[in-house]
Amino acid sequence: MFYRFRFGSNIEFICIDTSKQAWLFGERYFRHPNHQQFLETSFPEIRDGSRMWRIPYFHHPPYCAGPNHSNKNSVIEHLLPRFRRS
């Protein structure tokens, strides 16, 4: 599920589906080409100095120290750079 909503004039919450398309070995939904436009418009590269609070949220954290789950490399490689640029 992908959606976003604003709270006030300068806060935006962005929901990203980090589930896998197939249970065991599938790609994550945010990697699908149909969702790239949503990610591009949700996390634009800021050039004019204006900033907005963008708060992304999703189920699978990029980093995990727990014994049952490891870091999610696809989240680290494909989403974190987008978060840093906007």
N, C-alpha and C. Protein backbone atom coordinates (compact mmCIF):
# COMPACT_ATOMS: atom_id res chain seq x y z
N MET A 1 0.85 -1.17 0.00
CA MET A 1 0.00 0.00 0.00
C MET A 1 0.90 1.24 0.00
N PHE A 2 0.64 2.14 -0.87
CA PHE A 2 1.42 3.37 -1.00
C PHE A 2 0.45 4.54 -0.92
N TYR A 3 0.71 5.44 0.01
CA TYR A 3 -0.08 6.67 0.07
C TYR A 3 0.67 7.68 0.91
N ARG A 4 0.22 8.89 0.85
CA ARG A 4 0.82 9.96 1.65
C ARG A 4 -0.26 10.96 2.01
N PHE A 5 -0.05 11.65 3.12
CA PHE A 5 -0.99 12.68 3.53
C PHE A 5 -0.23 13.75 4.29
N ARG A 6 -0.77 14.95 4.23
CA ARG A 6 -0.14 16.10 4.89
C ARG A 6 -0.82 16.38 6.21
N PHE A 7 -0.03 16.90 7.13
CA PHE A 7 -0.53 17.36 8.41
C PHE A 7 -0.01 18.78 8.57
N GLY A 8 -0.89 19.74 8.51
CA GLY A 8 -0.45 21.13 8.55
C GLY A 8 0.18 21.52 7.23
N SER A 9 0.99 22.56 7.28
CA SER A 9 1.55 23.08 6.02
C SER A 9 2.91 22.50 5.67
N ASN A 10 3.61 21.88 6.63
CA ASN A 10 4.97 21.43 6.29
C ASN A 10 5.33 20.04 6.82
N ILE A 11 4.34 19.19 7.05
CA ILE A 11 4.61 17.80 7.47
C ILE A 11 3.85 16.87 6.54
N GLU A 12 4.56 15.87 6.04
CA GLU A 12 3.94 14.88 5.17
C GLU A 12 4.33 13.48 5.63
N PHE A 13 3.35 12.61 5.82
CA PHE A 13 3.56 11.21 6.18
C PHE A 13 3.47 10.39 4.90
N ILE A 14 4.42 9.46 4.72
CA ILE A 14 4.48 8.68 3.49
C ILE A 14 4.54 7.20 3.84
N CYS A 15 3.52 6.46 3.41
CA CYS A 15 3.43 5.03 3.66
C CYS A 15 4.01 4.27 2.47
N ILE A 16 4.95 3.36 2.74
CA ILE A 16 5.61 2.58 1.68
C ILE A 16 5.43 1.10 1.99
N ASP A 17 5.01 0.35 1.00
CA ASP A 17 4.83 -1.10 1.16
C ASP A 17 6.18 -1.79 0.97
N THR A 18 6.72 -2.34 2.05
CA THR A 18 8.01 -3.04 1.98
C THR A 18 7.84 -4.55 1.98
N SER A 19 6.61 -5.03 1.81
CA SER A 19 6.37 -6.47 1.74
C SER A 19 6.99 -7.05 0.47
N LYS A 20 7.18 -8.36 0.49
CA LYS A 20 7.69 -9.04 -0.69
C LYS A 20 6.53 -9.43 -1.60
N GLN A 21 6.78 -9.40 -2.90
CA GLN A 21 5.76 -9.80 -3.87
C GLN A 21 5.49 -11.30 -3.80
N ALA A 22 6.50 -12.10 -3.55
CA ALA A 22 6.35 -13.53 -3.32
C ALA A 22 6.92 -13.81 -1.93
N TRP A 23 6.33 -14.72 -1.22
CA TRP A 23 6.63 -14.91 0.20
C TRP A 23 8.11 -15.11 0.50
N LEU A 24 8.80 -15.96 -0.24
CA LEU A 24 10.15 -16.30 0.15
C LEU A 24 11.23 -15.52 -0.59
N PHE A 25 11.17 -15.50 -1.92
CA PHE A 25 12.28 -14.92 -2.68
C PHE A 25 11.90 -13.72 -3.53
N GLY A 26 10.72 -13.22 -3.41
CA GLY A 26 10.27 -12.14 -4.27
C GLY A 26 10.91 -10.80 -3.97
N GLU A 27 10.83 -9.92 -4.95
CA GLU A 27 11.27 -8.53 -4.76
C GLU A 27 10.29 -7.80 -3.86
N ARG A 28 10.73 -6.76 -3.25
CA ARG A 28 9.84 -5.95 -2.42
C ARG A 28 8.97 -5.09 -3.33
N TYR A 29 7.75 -4.81 -2.88
CA TYR A 29 6.80 -4.06 -3.71
C TYR A 29 7.34 -2.69 -4.11
N PHE A 30 8.09 -2.02 -3.25
CA PHE A 30 8.58 -0.68 -3.61
C PHE A 30 9.58 -0.72 -4.75
N ARG A 31 10.10 -1.89 -5.10
CA ARG A 31 11.03 -2.01 -6.22
C ARG A 31 10.31 -2.15 -7.56
N HIS A 32 9.03 -2.41 -7.55
CA HIS A 32 8.27 -2.62 -8.79
C HIS A 32 8.23 -1.32 -9.59
N PRO A 33 8.38 -1.39 -10.92
CA PRO A 33 8.38 -0.17 -11.75
C PRO A 33 7.12 0.69 -11.59
N ASN A 34 5.99 0.07 -11.29
CA ASN A 34 4.75 0.85 -11.13
C ASN A 34 4.80 1.81 -9.96
N HIS A 35 5.69 1.60 -9.01
CA HIS A 35 5.73 2.43 -7.81
C HIS A 35 6.86 3.46 -7.82
N GLN A 36 7.68 3.45 -8.87
CA GLN A 36 8.81 4.37 -8.91
C GLN A 36 8.39 5.83 -9.01
N GLN A 37 7.34 6.11 -9.74
CA GLN A 37 6.85 7.49 -9.86
C GLN A 37 6.38 8.01 -8.51
N PHE A 38 5.69 7.17 -7.74
CA PHE A 38 5.25 7.58 -6.41
C PHE A 38 6.45 7.93 -5.54
N LEU A 39 7.48 7.09 -5.55
CA LEU A 39 8.66 7.35 -4.73
C LEU A 39 9.40 8.60 -5.19
N GLU A 40 9.49 8.81 -6.49
CA GLU A 40 10.18 10.00 -7.01
C GLU A 40 9.46 11.28 -6.59
N THR A 41 8.16 11.30 -6.69
CA THR A 41 7.42 12.52 -6.33
C THR A 41 7.31 12.69 -4.82
N SER A 42 7.36 11.60 -4.07
CA SER A 42 7.27 11.70 -2.61
C SER A 42 8.57 12.18 -1.97
N PHE A 43 9.70 11.88 -2.62
CA PHE A 43 11.01 12.25 -2.09
C PHE A 43 11.81 13.00 -3.15
N PRO A 44 11.39 14.22 -3.47
CA PRO A 44 12.10 14.99 -4.51
C PRO A 44 13.43 15.49 -3.99
N GLU A 45 14.33 15.72 -4.90
CA GLU A 45 15.60 16.32 -4.52
C GLU A 45 15.35 17.81 -4.29
N ILE A 46 15.72 18.30 -3.12
CA ILE A 46 15.47 19.69 -2.73
C ILE A 46 16.61 20.55 -3.26
N ARG A 47 16.26 21.55 -4.06
CA ARG A 47 17.28 22.43 -4.63
C ARG A 47 17.08 23.89 -4.22
N ASP A 48 15.85 24.27 -3.90
CA ASP A 48 15.57 25.68 -3.65
C ASP A 48 15.70 26.08 -2.18
N GLY A 49 16.11 25.16 -1.32
CA GLY A 49 16.29 25.50 0.08
C GLY A 49 15.05 25.32 0.94
N SER A 50 13.88 25.15 0.32
CA SER A 50 12.67 24.94 1.11
C SER A 50 12.63 23.49 1.59
N ARG A 51 12.26 23.33 2.82
CA ARG A 51 12.22 21.99 3.40
C ARG A 51 10.84 21.68 3.92
N MET A 52 10.50 20.41 3.88
CA MET A 52 9.27 19.91 4.46
C MET A 52 9.65 18.70 5.30
N TRP A 53 8.96 18.52 6.40
CA TRP A 53 9.16 17.32 7.19
C TRP A 53 8.48 16.17 6.45
N ARG A 54 9.25 15.23 5.97
CA ARG A 54 8.71 14.03 5.33
C ARG A 54 9.00 12.85 6.25
N ILE A 55 7.94 12.19 6.68
CA ILE A 55 8.07 11.10 7.64
C ILE A 55 7.63 9.81 6.96
N PRO A 56 8.60 9.03 6.46
CA PRO A 56 8.24 7.76 5.83
C PRO A 56 7.99 6.71 6.91
N TYR A 57 7.05 5.83 6.64
CA TYR A 57 6.84 4.72 7.57
C TYR A 57 6.49 3.46 6.79
N PHE A 58 6.94 2.34 7.32
CA PHE A 58 6.77 1.04 6.68
C PHE A 58 7.06 -0.04 7.70
N HIS A 59 6.77 -1.29 7.35
CA HIS A 59 6.83 -2.39 8.30
C HIS A 59 8.24 -2.95 8.53
N HIS A 60 9.06 -3.03 7.51
CA HIS A 60 10.35 -3.69 7.62
C HIS A 60 11.47 -2.65 7.81
N PRO A 61 12.03 -2.54 9.01
CA PRO A 61 13.06 -1.52 9.26
C PRO A 61 14.35 -1.84 8.51
N PRO A 62 15.09 -0.80 8.13
CA PRO A 62 16.34 -1.05 7.41
C PRO A 62 17.36 -1.78 8.27
N TYR A 63 17.45 -1.42 9.53
CA TYR A 63 18.44 -2.01 10.43
C TYR A 63 17.73 -2.74 11.56
N CYS A 64 18.21 -3.93 11.87
CA CYS A 64 17.59 -4.71 12.93
C CYS A 64 18.66 -5.47 13.70
N ALA A 65 18.68 -5.33 15.00
CA ALA A 65 19.66 -6.01 15.85
C ALA A 65 19.07 -7.26 16.49
N GLY A 66 17.83 -7.56 16.18
CA GLY A 66 17.16 -8.70 16.80
C GLY A 66 17.73 -10.03 16.34
N PRO A 67 17.53 -11.07 17.11
CA PRO A 67 18.09 -12.39 16.76
C PRO A 67 17.34 -13.11 15.64
N ASN A 68 16.11 -12.72 15.35
CA ASN A 68 15.31 -13.45 14.36
C ASN A 68 15.27 -12.78 12.99
N HIS A 69 15.69 -11.54 12.88
CA HIS A 69 15.63 -10.81 11.62
C HIS A 69 16.94 -10.08 11.41
N SER A 70 17.30 -9.93 10.16
CA SER A 70 18.54 -9.21 9.84
C SER A 70 18.20 -7.87 9.18
N ASN A 71 19.24 -7.12 8.86
CA ASN A 71 19.05 -5.86 8.14
C ASN A 71 18.37 -6.14 6.79
N LYS A 72 17.60 -5.18 6.32
CA LYS A 72 16.93 -5.31 5.02
C LYS A 72 17.73 -4.53 3.99
N ASN A 73 18.60 -5.23 3.28
CA ASN A 73 19.50 -4.58 2.33
C ASN A 73 18.77 -3.82 1.23
N SER A 74 17.66 -4.34 0.75
CA SER A 74 16.95 -3.62 -0.32
C SER A 74 16.39 -2.30 0.19
N VAL A 75 15.97 -2.24 1.44
CA VAL A 75 15.51 -0.97 2.03
C VAL A 75 16.69 -0.02 2.19
N ILE A 76 17.81 -0.54 2.66
CA ILE A 76 19.01 0.29 2.85
C ILE A 76 19.49 0.86 1.52
N GLU A 77 19.54 0.02 0.49
CA GLU A 77 20.10 0.43 -0.80
C GLU A 77 19.17 1.32 -1.62
N HIS A 78 17.86 1.10 -1.53
CA HIS A 78 16.95 1.79 -2.44
C HIS A 78 16.09 2.87 -1.80
N LEU A 79 15.83 2.78 -0.52
CA LEU A 79 14.98 3.80 0.10
C LEU A 79 15.79 4.84 0.89
N LEU A 80 16.77 4.41 1.65
CA LEU A 80 17.52 5.38 2.46
C LEU A 80 18.14 6.51 1.64
N PRO A 81 18.72 6.25 0.46
CA PRO A 81 19.23 7.38 -0.32
C PRO A 81 18.14 8.38 -0.72
N ARG A 82 16.93 7.92 -0.98
CA ARG A 82 15.82 8.82 -1.29
C ARG A 82 15.45 9.68 -0.08
N PHE A 83 15.47 9.05 1.10
CA PHE A 83 15.11 9.80 2.31
C PHE A 83 16.13 10.90 2.58
N ARG A 84 17.39 10.63 2.31
CA ARG A 84 18.45 11.59 2.61
C ARG A 84 18.44 12.81 1.68
N ARG A 85 17.93 12.63 0.47
CA ARG A 85 18.00 13.74 -0.50
C ARG A 85 16.87 14.75 -0.36
N SER A 86 15.81 14.41 0.37
CA SER A 86 14.69 15.33 0.43
C SER A 86 14.51 15.94 1.79
